């Protein structure tokens, strides 16, 4: 007989990462919408934020935003 493997998903570890990703994406998109100017076209930053998961949002906040001064 085959041993039954435990294939349950560790939601206690995955759920906080999913929530963090969603929060960063929403905040990043709101910030992008309100920004007057960015480094690069806004449409490209939308794609990076949505498809780049957590790193896409972080990249926007570090690289994409222009200083207010």
N, C-alpha and C. Protein backbone atom coordinates (compact mmCIF):
# COMPACT_ATOMS: atom_id res chain seq x y z
N UNK A 1 0.83 -1.18 0.00
CA UNK A 1 0.00 0.00 0.00
C UNK A 1 0.88 1.25 0.00
N UNK A 2 0.38 2.27 -0.64
CA UNK A 2 1.11 3.54 -0.68
C UNK A 2 0.79 4.34 0.57
N UNK A 3 1.82 4.98 1.09
CA UNK A 3 1.60 5.86 2.23
C UNK A 3 0.87 7.11 1.76
N UNK A 4 -0.02 7.57 2.58
CA UNK A 4 -0.74 8.78 2.26
C UNK A 4 0.14 9.98 2.61
N UNK A 5 0.42 10.79 1.59
CA UNK A 5 1.26 11.97 1.82
C UNK A 5 0.39 13.13 2.27
N UNK A 6 0.93 13.93 3.14
CA UNK A 6 0.22 15.12 3.60
C UNK A 6 0.42 16.21 2.55
N UNK A 7 -0.62 16.48 1.79
CA UNK A 7 -0.53 17.48 0.73
C UNK A 7 -1.34 18.72 1.06
N UNK A 8 -1.61 18.94 2.32
CA UNK A 8 -2.38 20.12 2.70
C UNK A 8 -1.52 21.38 2.50
N UNK A 9 -2.18 22.44 2.12
CA UNK A 9 -1.51 23.70 1.86
C UNK A 9 -1.31 24.44 3.17
N UNK A 10 -0.10 24.92 3.44
CA UNK A 10 0.16 25.66 4.70
C UNK A 10 -0.37 27.10 4.62
N UNK A 11 -1.69 27.25 4.77
CA UNK A 11 -2.33 28.56 4.62
C UNK A 11 -1.83 29.56 5.65
N UNK A 12 -1.36 29.08 6.78
CA UNK A 12 -0.82 29.99 7.79
C UNK A 12 0.41 30.74 7.30
N UNK A 13 1.12 30.16 6.35
CA UNK A 13 2.30 30.81 5.77
C UNK A 13 1.99 31.56 4.48
N UNK A 14 1.07 31.02 3.70
CA UNK A 14 0.78 31.59 2.39
C UNK A 14 -0.18 32.78 2.48
N UNK A 15 -1.17 32.73 3.33
CA UNK A 15 -2.19 33.78 3.42
C UNK A 15 -1.59 35.16 3.72
N UNK A 16 -0.64 35.30 4.67
CA UNK A 16 -0.07 36.64 4.89
C UNK A 16 0.68 37.18 3.67
N UNK A 17 1.31 36.32 2.90
CA UNK A 17 2.01 36.77 1.69
C UNK A 17 1.02 37.24 0.62
N UNK A 18 -0.09 36.54 0.49
CA UNK A 18 -1.11 36.94 -0.47
C UNK A 18 -1.71 38.27 -0.07
N UNK A 19 -2.00 38.43 1.22
CA UNK A 19 -2.56 39.69 1.71
C UNK A 19 -1.57 40.83 1.52
N UNK A 20 -0.30 40.60 1.82
CA UNK A 20 0.74 41.62 1.62
C UNK A 20 0.83 42.00 0.15
N UNK A 21 0.78 41.03 -0.74
CA UNK A 21 0.86 41.30 -2.17
C UNK A 21 -0.32 42.15 -2.62
N UNK A 22 -1.52 41.82 -2.17
CA UNK A 22 -2.71 42.59 -2.56
C UNK A 22 -2.65 44.01 -2.03
N UNK A 23 -2.22 44.18 -0.78
CA UNK A 23 -2.13 45.52 -0.20
C UNK A 23 -1.11 46.36 -0.95
N UNK A 24 0.08 45.79 -1.22
CA UNK A 24 1.10 46.53 -1.95
C UNK A 24 0.63 46.90 -3.36
N UNK A 25 -0.06 46.00 -4.03
CA UNK A 25 -0.55 46.28 -5.38
C UNK A 25 -1.58 47.41 -5.37
N UNK A 26 -2.52 47.36 -4.43
CA UNK A 26 -3.56 48.39 -4.36
C UNK A 26 -2.93 49.75 -4.01
N UNK A 27 -2.07 49.78 -3.01
CA UNK A 27 -1.43 51.04 -2.62
C UNK A 27 -0.55 51.56 -3.76
N UNK A 28 0.16 50.67 -4.44
CA UNK A 28 1.00 51.07 -5.57
C UNK A 28 0.18 51.64 -6.71
N UNK A 29 -0.94 51.01 -7.03
CA UNK A 29 -1.78 51.51 -8.11
C UNK A 29 -2.43 52.85 -7.75
N UNK A 30 -2.83 53.02 -6.51
CA UNK A 30 -3.39 54.30 -6.08
C UNK A 30 -2.32 55.38 -6.15
N UNK A 31 -1.13 55.08 -5.69
CA UNK A 31 -0.03 56.03 -5.74
C UNK A 31 0.31 56.39 -7.19
N UNK A 32 0.32 55.39 -8.06
CA UNK A 32 0.60 55.63 -9.48
C UNK A 32 -0.48 56.50 -10.11
N UNK A 33 -1.73 56.26 -9.77
CA UNK A 33 -2.84 57.05 -10.30
C UNK A 33 -2.72 58.52 -9.89
N UNK A 34 -2.32 58.76 -8.66
CA UNK A 34 -2.22 60.12 -8.14
C UNK A 34 -0.94 60.83 -8.57
N UNK A 35 0.06 60.10 -9.01
CA UNK A 35 1.35 60.69 -9.36
C UNK A 35 1.22 61.52 -10.63
N UNK A 36 1.82 62.70 -10.61
CA UNK A 36 1.82 63.55 -11.80
C UNK A 36 2.85 63.06 -12.80
N UNK A 37 4.00 62.60 -12.31
CA UNK A 37 5.07 62.14 -13.20
C UNK A 37 5.73 60.91 -12.59
N UNK A 38 6.16 60.02 -13.46
CA UNK A 38 6.87 58.82 -13.02
C UNK A 38 8.10 58.64 -13.90
N UNK A 39 8.97 57.77 -13.48
CA UNK A 39 10.12 57.42 -14.30
C UNK A 39 9.67 56.30 -15.24
N UNK A 40 9.28 56.65 -16.43
CA UNK A 40 8.76 55.70 -17.39
C UNK A 40 7.26 55.88 -17.55
N UNK A 41 6.70 55.26 -18.57
CA UNK A 41 5.25 55.41 -18.81
C UNK A 41 4.41 54.73 -17.73
N UNK A 42 3.30 55.35 -17.42
CA UNK A 42 2.43 54.81 -16.37
C UNK A 42 1.87 53.44 -16.74
N UNK A 43 1.54 53.23 -18.01
CA UNK A 43 0.98 51.94 -18.41
C UNK A 43 1.96 50.81 -18.14
N UNK A 44 3.26 51.09 -18.29
CA UNK A 44 4.26 50.06 -18.03
C UNK A 44 4.35 49.76 -16.53
N UNK A 45 4.23 50.78 -15.70
CA UNK A 45 4.25 50.56 -14.25
C UNK A 45 3.02 49.78 -13.79
N UNK A 46 1.88 49.99 -14.44
CA UNK A 46 0.68 49.20 -14.10
C UNK A 46 0.97 47.72 -14.34
N UNK A 47 1.57 47.40 -15.49
CA UNK A 47 1.89 46.01 -15.81
C UNK A 47 2.89 45.45 -14.81
N UNK A 48 3.92 46.23 -14.48
CA UNK A 48 4.94 45.77 -13.54
C UNK A 48 4.33 45.51 -12.16
N UNK A 49 3.49 46.42 -11.70
CA UNK A 49 2.87 46.27 -10.38
C UNK A 49 1.96 45.04 -10.35
N UNK A 50 1.16 44.85 -11.39
CA UNK A 50 0.20 43.75 -11.40
C UNK A 50 0.85 42.39 -11.66
N UNK A 51 1.86 42.36 -12.52
CA UNK A 51 2.46 41.07 -12.89
C UNK A 51 3.72 40.75 -12.10
N UNK A 52 4.29 41.75 -11.45
CA UNK A 52 5.54 41.53 -10.74
C UNK A 52 5.38 41.10 -9.31
N UNK A 53 4.15 40.80 -8.92
CA UNK A 53 3.87 40.37 -7.55
C UNK A 53 4.41 41.38 -6.55
N UNK A 54 5.00 40.94 -5.46
CA UNK A 54 5.48 41.84 -4.43
C UNK A 54 6.64 42.69 -4.94
N UNK A 55 7.53 42.09 -5.72
CA UNK A 55 8.70 42.82 -6.21
C UNK A 55 8.32 43.93 -7.19
N UNK A 56 7.26 43.77 -7.95
CA UNK A 56 6.81 44.81 -8.87
C UNK A 56 6.38 46.06 -8.13
N UNK A 57 5.62 45.88 -7.05
CA UNK A 57 5.19 47.03 -6.25
C UNK A 57 6.37 47.71 -5.56
N UNK A 58 7.26 46.91 -5.02
CA UNK A 58 8.44 47.46 -4.35
C UNK A 58 9.30 48.21 -5.37
N UNK A 59 9.47 47.67 -6.57
CA UNK A 59 10.25 48.35 -7.61
C UNK A 59 9.63 49.70 -7.96
N UNK A 60 8.30 49.77 -8.03
CA UNK A 60 7.66 51.05 -8.31
C UNK A 60 7.97 52.07 -7.23
N UNK A 61 7.86 51.67 -5.97
CA UNK A 61 8.10 52.61 -4.88
C UNK A 61 9.56 53.05 -4.81
N UNK A 62 10.48 52.18 -5.19
CA UNK A 62 11.90 52.54 -5.12
C UNK A 62 12.36 53.27 -6.38
N UNK A 63 11.97 52.78 -7.55
CA UNK A 63 12.49 53.31 -8.82
C UNK A 63 11.51 54.22 -9.53
N UNK A 64 10.25 53.84 -9.57
CA UNK A 64 9.27 54.50 -10.44
C UNK A 64 8.81 55.86 -10.03
N UNK A 65 8.71 56.10 -8.73
CA UNK A 65 8.19 57.41 -8.28
C UNK A 65 9.26 58.47 -8.42
N UNK A 66 8.83 59.65 -8.85
CA UNK A 66 9.72 60.80 -8.89
C UNK A 66 9.54 61.59 -7.60
N UNK A 67 10.61 62.22 -7.17
CA UNK A 67 10.53 63.04 -5.96
C UNK A 67 9.63 64.23 -6.20
N UNK A 68 8.99 64.68 -5.14
CA UNK A 68 8.07 65.82 -5.24
C UNK A 68 8.81 67.12 -5.48
N UNK A 69 10.09 67.18 -5.22
CA UNK A 69 10.84 68.43 -5.38
C UNK A 69 11.22 68.71 -6.81
